[in-house]
C-alpha atoms as a PDB file:
ATOM      1  CA  MET A   1       4.766   1.625  -3.859  1.00  0.00           C
ATOM      2  CA  PRO A   2       4.541   3.220  -7.559  1.00  0.00           C
ATOM      3  CA  VAL A   3       1.730   4.836  -7.409  1.00  0.00           C
ATOM      4  CA  ILE A   4       0.217   5.686 -11.224  1.00  0.00           C
ATOM      5  CA  SER A   5      -2.863   7.793  -9.538  1.00  0.00           C
ATOM      6  CA  ALA A   6      -4.558   8.891  -6.734  1.00  0.00           C
ATOM      7  CA  THR A   7      -8.187  10.267  -6.600  1.00  0.00           C
ATOM      8  CA  PRO A   8     -10.045  12.075  -3.458  1.00  0.00           C
ATOM      9  CA  ASP A   9     -13.760  12.180  -3.276  1.00  0.00           C
ATOM     10  CA  LEU A  10     -14.582  14.807  -0.684  1.00  0.00           C
ATOM     11  CA  ASP A  11     -18.235  14.102  -0.602  1.00  0.00           C
ATOM     12  CA  ALA A  12     -17.432  10.286   0.559  1.00  0.00           C
ATOM     13  CA  LEU A  13     -14.892  11.052   2.246  1.00  0.00           C
ATOM     14  CA  SER A  14     -12.373   8.543   0.479  1.00  0.00           C
ATOM     15  CA  LEU A  15      -9.140   8.374  -1.162  1.00  0.00           C
ATOM     16  CA  THR A  16      -8.362   5.924  -3.844  1.00  0.00           C
ATOM     17  CA  PHE A  17      -5.141   4.950  -5.334  1.00  0.00           C
ATOM     18  CA  VAL A  18      -4.038   2.874  -8.776  1.00  0.00           C
ATOM     19  CA  ALA A  19      -0.427   1.072  -8.142  1.00  0.00           C
ATOM     20  CA  GLU A  20       1.224  -1.433 -10.207  1.00  0.00           C
ATOM     21  CA  PHE A  21       3.601  -4.034  -8.416  1.00  0.00           C
ATOM     22  CA  ALA A  22       5.798  -6.135  -9.765  1.00  0.00           C
ATOM     23  CA  ALA A  23       4.456  -8.950  -7.916  1.00  0.00           C
ATOM     24  CA  PRO A  24       1.342 -11.516  -8.640  1.00  0.00           C
ATOM     25  CA  PRO A  25      -1.935 -10.478  -6.765  1.00  0.00           C
ATOM     26  CA  GLN A  26      -1.740 -13.173  -4.412  1.00  0.00           C
ATOM     27  CA  ARG A  27       1.771 -12.218  -3.312  1.00  0.00           C
ATOM     28  CA  VAL A  28       0.757  -8.097  -2.693  1.00  0.00           C
ATOM     29  CA  TRP A  29      -2.746  -9.287  -0.871  1.00  0.00           C
ATOM     30  CA  GLU A  30      -0.841 -11.703   1.741  1.00  0.00           C
ATOM     31  CA  ILE A  31       1.613  -8.712   2.297  1.00  0.00           C
ATOM     32  CA  TYR A  32      -1.339  -6.378   3.153  1.00  0.00           C
ATOM     33  CA  ALA A  33      -3.253  -8.785   5.092  1.00  0.00           C
ATOM     34  CA  ASP A  34       0.140  -9.752   7.291  1.00  0.00           C
ATOM     35  CA  ALA A  35       0.836  -6.777   9.214  1.00  0.00           C
ATOM     36  CA  ARG A  36       4.390  -8.297   9.962  1.00  0.00           C
ATOM     37  CA  GLN A  37       5.281  -8.472   6.351  1.00  0.00           C
ATOM     38  CA  LEU A  38       3.367  -5.154   5.781  1.00  0.00           C
ATOM     39  CA  GLU A  39       5.723  -3.337   8.281  1.00  0.00           C
ATOM     40  CA  LYS A  40       8.630  -4.151   5.977  1.00  0.00           C
ATOM     41  CA  VAL A  41       7.689  -2.614   2.809  1.00  0.00           C
ATOM     42  CA  TRP A  42       5.648   0.300   4.188  1.00  0.00           C
ATOM     43  CA  GLY A  43       7.973   3.603   4.011  1.00  0.00           C
ATOM     44  CA  PRO A  44      11.860   3.645   3.634  1.00  0.00           C
ATOM     45  CA  PRO A  45      14.055   1.749   5.800  1.00  0.00           C
ATOM     46  CA  SER A  46      15.193   5.069   7.623  1.00  0.00           C
ATOM     47  CA  HIS A  47      10.813   5.507   8.597  1.00  0.00           C
ATOM     48  CA  PRO A  48      10.188   1.692   9.770  1.00  0.00           C
ATOM     49  CA  ALA A  49       6.386   1.851  10.076  1.00  0.00           C
ATOM     50  CA  THR A  50       4.546  -0.535  12.826  1.00  0.00           C
ATOM     51  CA  PHE A  51       1.353  -1.985  13.437  1.00  0.00           C
END
């Protein structure tokens, strides 16, 4: 994920990321909405994610 910025808000206990994706918004949403798809793209192949 090509992150452009990360902004912490310690009072609200939140962290906001801004990123650019080489895909249309609908496709990005589909990946984040489906755990099986997210596992394939979250992290490098040597450190796979499981949800």
